[in-house]
Amino acid sequence: MKQSVKTMGQSMTTLTINRKPKGIYGTPQKTTQAAQEQDKTTSAHKVMPGNQKAQQKPTGATPWRHMTKRQRKNRRRVNRLTELWPELFSREAPKPLKVGIFDDLMQDLAVRGLAFGPGALRATLASYAQSPRYYRALMAGGARYDLKGQPCGEVTPQEQQDAETRLVALNEKRKRQRRAAKEKTGA
């Protein structure tokens, strides 16, 4: 960007600003190369004439860019729990946790000498235990599990009913949020 300004016989200096192009405004060569690479990776089901939707639906995991800061933090912490106790924690197939598991986890963290504060652990357990998959695991009933993945107690019928109620409420809340977001973008 160059500018020259002359006022009342005085001349001002020229200012030049060089910036790199950002995002979609990159050089045409780069965008055409990206398009060529994308064409090479198109799968057979996307080319079929009957398939109007070219993109596949995500597999259920929310992409990081669509999460809030708190959700990203909780996801990282739950991932850490699955690394520390793989026999107990799983995002894909959660098991009902033993009643009082928080105290056992705190003791095990102290024995191992790991840094995981009680507030962070409590928030992480809440995030894990308030997921739809965990509610479905509770609704199925069966055993509750301790740190080593061993059965330790049973899910009561009342807890099964509570899990079903909470899952229905969570689904309704998500439907309302989707409707509100759709109205906001559509209006």
Protein backbone atom coordinates (compact mmCIF):
# COMPACT_ATOMS: atom_id res chain seq x y z
CA MET A 1 0.00 0.00 0.00
CA LYS A 2 1.60 3.26 -1.07
CA GLN A 3 0.37 6.74 -0.33
CA SER A 4 1.69 10.13 -1.33
CA VAL A 5 0.17 13.31 -0.01
CA LYS A 6 1.08 16.88 -1.07
CA THR A 7 -0.32 19.77 0.85
CA MET A 8 0.49 23.47 0.51
CA GLY A 9 3.75 22.96 -1.32
CA GLN A 10 5.06 20.43 1.17
CA SER A 11 5.53 16.85 0.21
CA MET A 12 5.07 14.00 2.65
CA THR A 13 6.91 10.72 2.58
CA THR A 14 5.57 7.55 1.08
CA LEU A 15 4.45 4.80 3.42
CA THR A 16 4.68 1.20 2.23
CA ILE A 17 3.09 -1.66 4.15
CA ASN A 18 3.83 -5.22 3.07
CA ARG A 19 1.60 -7.88 4.57
CA LYS A 20 1.29 -11.58 4.01
CA PRO A 21 -2.09 -12.68 2.66
CA LYS A 22 -4.22 -14.40 5.28
CA GLY A 23 -6.67 -17.28 5.12
CA ILE A 24 -8.68 -17.68 1.95
CA TYR A 25 -7.03 -14.64 0.42
CA GLY A 26 -3.83 -16.58 -0.23
CA THR A 27 -2.09 -16.73 -3.57
CA PRO A 28 -4.04 -18.41 -6.38
CA GLN A 29 -1.33 -21.05 -6.81
CA LYS A 30 -1.78 -22.32 -3.28
CA THR A 31 -5.55 -22.48 -3.54
CA THR A 32 -5.42 -24.39 -6.82
CA GLN A 33 -2.93 -26.87 -5.36
CA ALA A 34 -5.21 -27.41 -2.37
CA ALA A 35 -8.18 -27.94 -4.69
CA GLN A 36 -6.20 -30.47 -6.76
CA GLU A 37 -5.25 -32.38 -3.60
CA GLN A 38 -8.88 -32.39 -2.48
CA ASP A 39 -9.97 -33.75 -5.87
CA LYS A 40 -7.49 -36.61 -5.52
CA THR A 41 -8.86 -37.62 -2.12
CA THR A 42 -12.53 -37.73 -3.12
CA SER A 43 -13.95 -41.15 -2.24
CA ALA A 44 -16.19 -43.22 -4.50
CA HIS A 45 -19.42 -42.72 -2.51
CA LYS A 46 -19.10 -38.94 -2.87
CA VAL A 47 -18.97 -39.20 -6.66
CA MET A 48 -22.14 -41.24 -7.04
CA PRO A 49 -24.91 -39.24 -8.79
CA GLY A 50 -27.60 -40.12 -6.23
CA ASN A 51 -25.59 -38.72 -3.32
CA GLN A 52 -26.46 -35.02 -2.97
CA LYS A 53 -24.59 -34.47 0.29
CA ALA A 54 -20.87 -34.49 -0.42
CA GLN A 55 -19.69 -34.29 3.17
CA GLN A 56 -19.97 -37.01 5.76
CA LYS A 57 -21.49 -36.38 9.15
CA PRO A 58 -18.95 -36.26 12.01
CA THR A 59 -18.56 -39.43 14.05
CA GLY A 60 -20.06 -37.91 17.19
CA ALA A 61 -16.98 -36.27 18.63
CA THR A 62 -17.22 -32.52 18.71
CA PRO A 63 -14.30 -30.89 16.90
CA TRP A 64 -12.05 -28.83 19.16
CA ARG A 65 -12.83 -25.60 17.31
CA HIS A 66 -16.54 -25.89 18.18
CA MET A 67 -15.96 -26.32 21.91
CA THR A 68 -15.89 -23.68 24.56
CA LYS A 69 -12.73 -23.19 26.59
CA ARG A 70 -14.28 -25.08 29.51
CA GLN A 71 -15.30 -27.99 27.28
CA ARG A 72 -11.79 -28.26 25.83
CA LYS A 73 -10.30 -28.23 29.33
CA ASN A 74 -12.70 -30.93 30.54
CA ARG A 75 -12.03 -33.05 27.43
CA ARG A 76 -8.27 -32.89 28.08
CA ARG A 77 -8.79 -33.82 31.73
CA VAL A 78 -11.06 -36.76 30.88
CA ASN A 79 -8.44 -37.91 28.37
CA ARG A 80 -5.89 -37.77 31.20
CA LEU A 81 -8.15 -39.91 33.41
CA THR A 82 -8.42 -42.48 30.61
CA GLU A 83 -4.60 -42.55 30.42
CA LEU A 84 -4.18 -42.94 34.20
CA TRP A 85 -6.94 -45.54 34.71
CA PRO A 86 -7.69 -47.16 31.33
CA GLU A 87 -9.50 -50.10 32.93
CA LEU A 88 -12.06 -47.74 34.51
CA PHE A 89 -12.48 -44.72 32.22
CA SER A 90 -13.47 -44.88 28.56
CA ARG A 91 -15.12 -42.20 26.43
CA GLU A 92 -16.62 -44.73 24.01
CA ALA A 93 -17.94 -47.30 26.51
CA PRO A 94 -18.15 -45.77 30.00
CA LYS A 95 -18.75 -48.02 32.99
CA PRO A 96 -20.81 -47.01 36.02
CA LEU A 97 -18.39 -45.73 38.64
CA LYS A 98 -18.30 -46.92 42.23
CA VAL A 99 -20.09 -44.68 44.73
CA GLY A 100 -17.33 -42.71 46.48
CA ILE A 101 -14.83 -43.10 43.63
CA PHE A 102 -13.63 -39.52 44.18
CA ASP A 103 -11.93 -40.40 47.49
CA ASP A 104 -10.30 -43.47 45.95
CA LEU A 105 -9.01 -41.39 43.04
CA MET A 106 -7.58 -38.74 45.37
CA GLN A 107 -5.78 -41.41 47.43
CA ASP A 108 -4.37 -43.06 44.32
CA LEU A 109 -3.19 -39.70 42.96
CA ALA A 110 -1.42 -39.00 46.28
CA VAL A 111 0.23 -42.44 46.27
CA ARG A 112 1.42 -41.95 42.69
CA GLY A 113 2.53 -38.38 43.43
CA LEU A 114 0.53 -36.94 40.53
CA ALA A 115 -0.68 -33.34 40.39
CA PHE A 116 -4.44 -33.23 39.95
CA GLY A 117 -6.26 -30.86 42.28
CA PRO A 118 -9.47 -31.89 44.03
CA GLY A 119 -11.51 -29.19 42.31
CA ALA A 120 -10.22 -30.16 38.88
CA LEU A 121 -10.84 -33.85 39.60
CA ARG A 122 -14.37 -33.16 40.82
CA ALA A 123 -15.15 -31.08 37.70
CA THR A 124 -13.69 -33.79 35.46
CA LEU A 125 -15.73 -36.52 37.12
CA ALA A 126 -18.85 -34.37 36.78
CA SER A 127 -18.12 -33.84 33.08
CA TYR A 128 -17.60 -37.58 32.59
CA ALA A 129 -20.64 -38.63 34.61
CA GLN A 130 -23.00 -36.13 32.95
CA SER A 131 -22.43 -37.40 29.42
CA PRO A 132 -25.22 -39.13 27.50
CA ARG A 133 -23.13 -42.31 27.15
CA TYR A 134 -22.59 -42.52 30.90
CA TYR A 135 -26.32 -42.03 31.51
CA ARG A 136 -27.03 -44.88 29.07
CA ALA A 137 -24.54 -47.08 30.93
CA LEU A 138 -26.39 -46.35 34.18
CA MET A 139 -29.76 -47.03 32.53
CA ALA A 140 -28.50 -50.46 31.43
CA GLY A 141 -27.90 -51.32 35.08
CA GLY A 142 -25.41 -53.92 36.24
CA ALA A 143 -22.27 -53.53 38.29
CA ARG A 144 -20.39 -50.43 39.35
CA TYR A 145 -16.60 -50.51 39.04
CA ASP A 146 -13.65 -49.49 41.22
CA LEU A 147 -10.20 -48.16 40.23
CA LYS A 148 -8.94 -51.53 39.07
CA GLY A 149 -12.01 -52.16 36.91
CA GLN A 150 -13.40 -54.75 39.34
CA PRO A 151 -17.16 -54.91 40.07
CA CYS A 152 -17.97 -53.09 43.29
CA GLY A 153 -21.67 -52.61 43.97
CA GLU A 154 -24.75 -52.47 41.74
CA VAL A 155 -26.73 -49.75 40.00
CA THR A 156 -30.08 -49.50 41.78
CA PRO A 157 -33.41 -49.24 39.93
CA GLN A 158 -33.82 -45.71 41.35
CA GLU A 159 -30.44 -44.70 39.90
CA GLN A 160 -31.48 -46.18 36.55
CA GLN A 161 -34.68 -44.11 36.61
CA ASP A 162 -32.76 -40.96 37.59
CA ALA A 163 -30.30 -41.51 34.73
CA GLU A 164 -33.18 -41.85 32.26
CA THR A 165 -34.78 -38.64 33.55
CA ARG A 166 -31.48 -36.76 33.29
CA LEU A 167 -30.83 -38.07 29.77
CA VAL A 168 -34.26 -36.93 28.60
CA ALA A 169 -33.69 -33.50 30.18
CA LEU A 170 -30.24 -33.24 28.57
CA ASN A 171 -31.63 -34.13 25.14
CA GLU A 172 -34.41 -31.55 25.51
CA LYS A 173 -31.88 -28.90 26.54
CA ARG A 174 -29.73 -29.67 23.50
CA LYS A 175 -32.76 -29.51 21.20
CA ARG A 176 -33.67 -26.07 22.59
CA GLN A 177 -30.09 -24.87 22.13
CA ARG A 178 -30.01 -26.11 18.51
CA ARG A 179 -33.35 -24.43 17.77
CA ALA A 180 -32.16 -21.16 19.31
CA ALA A 181 -28.92 -21.29 17.33
CA LYS A 182 -30.82 -22.05 14.13
CA GLU A 183 -33.22 -19.14 14.73
CA LYS A 184 -30.30 -16.84 15.49
CA THR A 185 -28.46 -17.69 12.27
CA GLY A 186 -31.61 -17.96 10.15
CA ALA A 187 -33.20 -14.69 11.34
